[in-house]
Amino acid sequence: MLYTGVTHTTGGRTGESRSSDGKLDIILSSRGSNGPGINPEQLFAAGWSACFIGAMGKAASSLNVILPADHYVSTEIDLVSSDEGFSLQARLNASIPGLDPEVARSIVDGAHQVCPYSKATRGNINVTINLI
């Protein structure tokens, strides 16, 4: 094991969450509310984006490509309701300006294979990886 992230959350979607090391101390809000906090889908999107960018770096390195300084990932996490209940779906929108589109596609496809968040969701939710 390399690392264990630990949080303590009370109050559900309208509660609070704190990390064991004190670096995270947030107020939670329900989706679509004007409350003061953020919602779990936003937190998941931020974590996945950060992880995916690291995986893009590994994929680029394996292709002997240097990512441009202004690359980024915008992740959208949808909370979906159906007859089976609630579920998630995701879109990762990666920008790698200045690279050949085929090389950029190879990088994001490679990142999606090695990113731990991508692995955790594979086969569990609908995921689309877009180059923007």
C-alpha atoms as a PDB file:
ATOM      1  CA  MET A   1       0.000   0.000   0.000  1.00  0.00           C
ATOM      2  CA  LEU A   2       1.340   3.414  -0.957  1.00  0.00           C
ATOM      3  CA  TYR A   3      -1.164   5.698   0.732  1.00  0.00           C
ATOM      4  CA  THR A   4      -4.520   5.747   2.491  1.00  0.00           C
ATOM      5  CA  GLY A   5      -6.690   8.861   2.375  1.00  0.00           C
ATOM      6  CA  VAL A   6      -8.939   9.150   5.414  1.00  0.00           C
ATOM      7  CA  THR A   7     -11.910  11.460   5.848  1.00  0.00           C
ATOM      8  CA  HIS A   8     -14.613  11.841   8.462  1.00  0.00           C
ATOM      9  CA  THR A   9     -17.954  13.022   7.109  1.00  0.00           C
ATOM     10  CA  THR A  10     -21.111  13.960   8.986  1.00  0.00           C
ATOM     11  CA  GLY A  11     -24.504  15.089   7.727  1.00  0.00           C
ATOM     12  CA  GLY A  12     -24.390  13.494   4.286  1.00  0.00           C
ATOM     13  CA  ARG A  13     -24.828  15.796   1.303  1.00  0.00           C
ATOM     14  CA  THR A  14     -25.468  18.821   3.515  1.00  0.00           C
ATOM     15  CA  GLY A  15     -22.809  18.071   6.097  1.00  0.00           C
ATOM     16  CA  GLU A  16     -19.094  18.528   6.547  1.00  0.00           C
ATOM     17  CA  SER A  17     -16.034  16.478   5.713  1.00  0.00           C
ATOM     18  CA  ARG A  18     -12.541  16.633   7.167  1.00  0.00           C
ATOM     19  CA  SER A  19      -9.396  14.701   6.352  1.00  0.00           C
ATOM     20  CA  SER A  20      -7.403  12.999   9.080  1.00  0.00           C
ATOM     21  CA  ASP A  21      -4.407  15.251   8.365  1.00  0.00           C
ATOM     22  CA  GLY A  22      -6.506  18.447   8.575  1.00  0.00           C
ATOM     23  CA  LYS A  23      -5.727  19.562   5.014  1.00  0.00           C
ATOM     24  CA  LEU A  24      -9.316  19.069   3.845  1.00  0.00           C
ATOM     25  CA  ASP A  25     -12.069  20.797   5.801  1.00  0.00           C
ATOM     26  CA  ILE A  26     -15.129  21.418   3.677  1.00  0.00           C
ATOM     27  CA  ILE A  27     -18.840  22.086   3.857  1.00  0.00           C
ATOM     28  CA  LEU A  28     -20.966  19.881   1.611  1.00  0.00           C
ATOM     29  CA  SER A  29     -24.037  20.956  -0.339  1.00  0.00           C
ATOM     30  CA  SER A  30     -26.663  19.091  -2.279  1.00  0.00           C
ATOM     31  CA  ARG A  31     -26.414  19.098  -6.051  1.00  0.00           C
ATOM     32  CA  GLY A  32     -27.790  22.219  -7.649  1.00  0.00           C
ATOM     33  CA  SER A  33     -28.220  24.063  -4.363  1.00  0.00           C
ATOM     34  CA  ASN A  34     -27.008  27.552  -3.645  1.00  0.00           C
ATOM     35  CA  GLY A  35     -25.521  26.315  -0.378  1.00  0.00           C
ATOM     36  CA  PRO A  36     -22.052  27.368   0.722  1.00  0.00           C
ATOM     37  CA  GLY A  37     -20.321  24.058   0.024  1.00  0.00           C
ATOM     38  CA  ILE A  38     -19.450  21.694  -2.778  1.00  0.00           C
ATOM     39  CA  ASN A  39     -21.109  18.427  -3.688  1.00  0.00           C
ATOM     40  CA  PRO A  40     -19.661  14.900  -3.859  1.00  0.00           C
ATOM     41  CA  GLU A  41     -19.777  14.854  -7.670  1.00  0.00           C
ATOM     42  CA  GLN A  42     -17.522  17.924  -7.784  1.00  0.00           C
ATOM     43  CA  LEU A  43     -15.086  16.308  -5.375  1.00  0.00           C
ATOM     44  CA  PHE A  44     -15.003  13.131  -7.458  1.00  0.00           C
ATOM     45  CA  ALA A  45     -14.458  15.161 -10.639  1.00  0.00           C
ATOM     46  CA  ALA A  46     -11.540  17.057  -9.075  1.00  0.00           C
ATOM     47  CA  GLY A  47      -9.850  13.897  -7.832  1.00  0.00           C
ATOM     48  CA  TRP A  48     -10.269  12.079 -11.128  1.00  0.00           C
ATOM     49  CA  SER A  49      -8.983  15.083 -13.118  1.00  0.00           C
ATOM     50  CA  ALA A  50      -5.859  15.337 -10.986  1.00  0.00           C
ATOM     51  CA  CYS A  51      -5.165  11.620 -11.201  1.00  0.00           C
ATOM     52  CA  PHE A  52      -5.830  11.538 -14.948  1.00  0.00           C
ATOM     53  CA  ILE A  53      -3.362  14.367 -15.574  1.00  0.00           C
ATOM     54  CA  GLY A  54      -0.681  12.340 -13.786  1.00  0.00           C
ATOM     55  CA  ALA A  55      -1.553   9.325 -15.921  1.00  0.00           C
ATOM     56  CA  MET A  56      -1.346  11.492 -19.057  1.00  0.00           C
ATOM     57  CA  GLY A  57       2.199  12.400 -18.046  1.00  0.00           C
ATOM     58  CA  LYS A  58       3.119   8.728 -17.773  1.00  0.00           C
ATOM     59  CA  ALA A  59       1.489   7.914 -21.112  1.00  0.00           C
ATOM     60  CA  ALA A  60       3.232  10.848 -22.809  1.00  0.00           C
ATOM     61  CA  SER A  61       6.571   9.812 -21.338  1.00  0.00           C
ATOM     62  CA  SER A  62       6.167   6.278 -22.685  1.00  0.00           C
ATOM     63  CA  LEU A  63       5.702   7.840 -26.153  1.00  0.00           C
ATOM     64  CA  ASN A  64       8.718  10.167 -25.656  1.00  0.00           C
ATOM     65  CA  VAL A  65       6.388  13.162 -25.803  1.00  0.00           C
ATOM     66  CA  ILE A  66       6.541  16.198 -23.527  1.00  0.00           C
ATOM     67  CA  LEU A  67       3.133  17.518 -22.560  1.00  0.00           C
ATOM     68  CA  PRO A  68       2.671  21.254 -23.115  1.00  0.00           C
ATOM     69  CA  ALA A  69       2.572  23.357 -19.962  1.00  0.00           C
ATOM     70  CA  ASP A  70      -1.023  24.423 -20.611  1.00  0.00           C
ATOM     71  CA  HIS A  71      -2.586  20.946 -20.796  1.00  0.00           C
ATOM     72  CA  TYR A  72      -5.609  20.323 -18.586  1.00  0.00           C
ATOM     73  CA  VAL A  73      -8.558  18.035 -17.914  1.00  0.00           C
ATOM     74  CA  SER A  74     -12.099  19.209 -17.204  1.00  0.00           C
ATOM     75  CA  THR A  75     -14.151  16.380 -15.761  1.00  0.00           C
ATOM     76  CA  GLU A  76     -17.935  16.248 -15.671  1.00  0.00           C
ATOM     77  CA  ILE A  77     -19.653  13.825 -13.312  1.00  0.00           C
ATOM     78  CA  ASP A  78     -23.384  13.370 -13.825  1.00  0.00           C
ATOM     79  CA  LEU A  79     -25.680  12.022 -11.130  1.00  0.00           C
ATOM     80  CA  VAL A  80     -28.317  10.079 -13.049  1.00  0.00           C
ATOM     81  CA  SER A  81     -31.675   8.786 -11.874  1.00  0.00           C
ATOM     82  CA  SER A  82     -33.373   5.842 -13.545  1.00  0.00           C
ATOM     83  CA  ASP A  83     -35.813   3.062 -12.692  1.00  0.00           C
ATOM     84  CA  GLU A  84     -32.852   1.175 -11.138  1.00  0.00           C
ATOM     85  CA  GLY A  85     -31.997   4.119  -8.850  1.00  0.00           C
ATOM     86  CA  PHE A  86     -29.123   6.567  -8.873  1.00  0.00           C
ATOM     87  CA  SER A  87     -25.890   6.126 -10.807  1.00  0.00           C
ATOM     88  CA  LEU A  88     -23.019   8.158 -12.179  1.00  0.00           C
ATOM     89  CA  GLN A  89     -21.634   8.834 -15.629  1.00  0.00           C
ATOM     90  CA  ALA A  90     -18.562  10.814 -16.595  1.00  0.00           C
ATOM     91  CA  ARG A  91     -16.907  12.826 -19.330  1.00  0.00           C
ATOM     92  CA  LEU A  92     -13.227  13.636 -19.158  1.00  0.00           C
ATOM     93  CA  ASN A  93     -12.403  16.507 -21.494  1.00  0.00           C
ATOM     94  CA  ALA A  94      -8.658  16.669 -22.083  1.00  0.00           C
ATOM     95  CA  SER A  95      -6.870  19.559 -23.730  1.00  0.00           C
ATOM     96  CA  ILE A  96      -3.364  18.949 -25.047  1.00  0.00           C
ATOM     97  CA  PRO A  97      -2.744  21.967 -27.283  1.00  0.00           C
ATOM     98  CA  GLY A  98      -0.097  21.834 -29.960  1.00  0.00           C
ATOM     99  CA  LEU A  99       0.094  18.052 -30.270  1.00  0.00           C
ATOM    100  CA  ASP A 100      -0.906  16.033 -33.303  1.00  0.00           C
ATOM    101  CA  PRO A 101      -4.455  14.790 -32.644  1.00  0.00           C
ATOM    102  CA  GLU A 102      -3.423  11.132 -33.106  1.00  0.00           C
ATOM    103  CA  VAL A 103      -0.615  11.516 -30.555  1.00  0.00           C
ATOM    104  CA  ALA A 104      -2.952  13.323 -28.167  1.00  0.00           C
ATOM    105  CA  ARG A 105      -5.527  10.527 -28.553  1.00  0.00           C
ATOM    106  CA  SER A 106      -2.836   7.920 -27.799  1.00  0.00           C
ATOM    107  CA  ILE A 107      -1.937   9.824 -24.640  1.00  0.00           C
ATOM    108  CA  VAL A 108      -5.490  10.075 -23.285  1.00  0.00           C
ATOM    109  CA  ASP A 109      -6.271   6.470 -24.229  1.00  0.00           C
ATOM    110  CA  GLY A 110      -3.094   5.346 -22.462  1.00  0.00           C
ATOM    111  CA  ALA A 111      -3.927   7.483 -19.440  1.00  0.00           C
ATOM    112  CA  HIS A 112      -7.393   5.941 -19.243  1.00  0.00           C
ATOM    113  CA  GLN A 113      -5.809   2.483 -19.064  1.00  0.00           C
ATOM    114  CA  VAL A 114      -3.492   3.298 -16.130  1.00  0.00           C
ATOM    115  CA  CYS A 115      -5.342   5.959 -14.100  1.00  0.00           C
ATOM    116  CA  PRO A 116      -6.591   4.371 -10.847  1.00  0.00           C
ATOM    117  CA  TYR A 117      -9.877   6.306 -11.020  1.00  0.00           C
ATOM    118  CA  SER A 118     -10.433   5.067 -14.578  1.00  0.00           C
ATOM    119  CA  LYS A 119      -9.672   1.520 -13.472  1.00  0.00           C
ATOM    120  CA  ALA A 120     -12.071   1.804 -10.522  1.00  0.00           C
ATOM    121  CA  THR A 121     -14.939   2.963 -12.724  1.00  0.00           C
ATOM    122  CA  ARG A 122     -14.266   0.736 -15.756  1.00  0.00           C
ATOM    123  CA  GLY A 123     -17.322  -1.353 -16.482  1.00  0.00           C
ATOM    124  CA  ASN A 124     -19.253   0.305 -13.645  1.00  0.00           C
ATOM    125  CA  ILE A 125     -20.290   3.621 -15.192  1.00  0.00           C
ATOM    126  CA  ASN A 126     -20.429   5.158 -18.665  1.00  0.00           C
ATOM    127  CA  VAL A 127     -17.236   7.122 -19.318  1.00  0.00           C
ATOM    128  CA  THR A 128     -16.399   9.236 -22.356  1.00  0.00           C
ATOM    129  CA  ILE A 129     -12.887  10.585 -22.953  1.00  0.00           C
ATOM    130  CA  ASN A 130     -12.924  13.671 -25.206  1.00  0.00           C
ATOM    131  CA  LEU A 131     -10.084  15.635 -26.740  1.00  0.00           C
ATOM    132  CA  ILE A 132     -10.992  19.310 -26.743  1.00  0.00           C
END
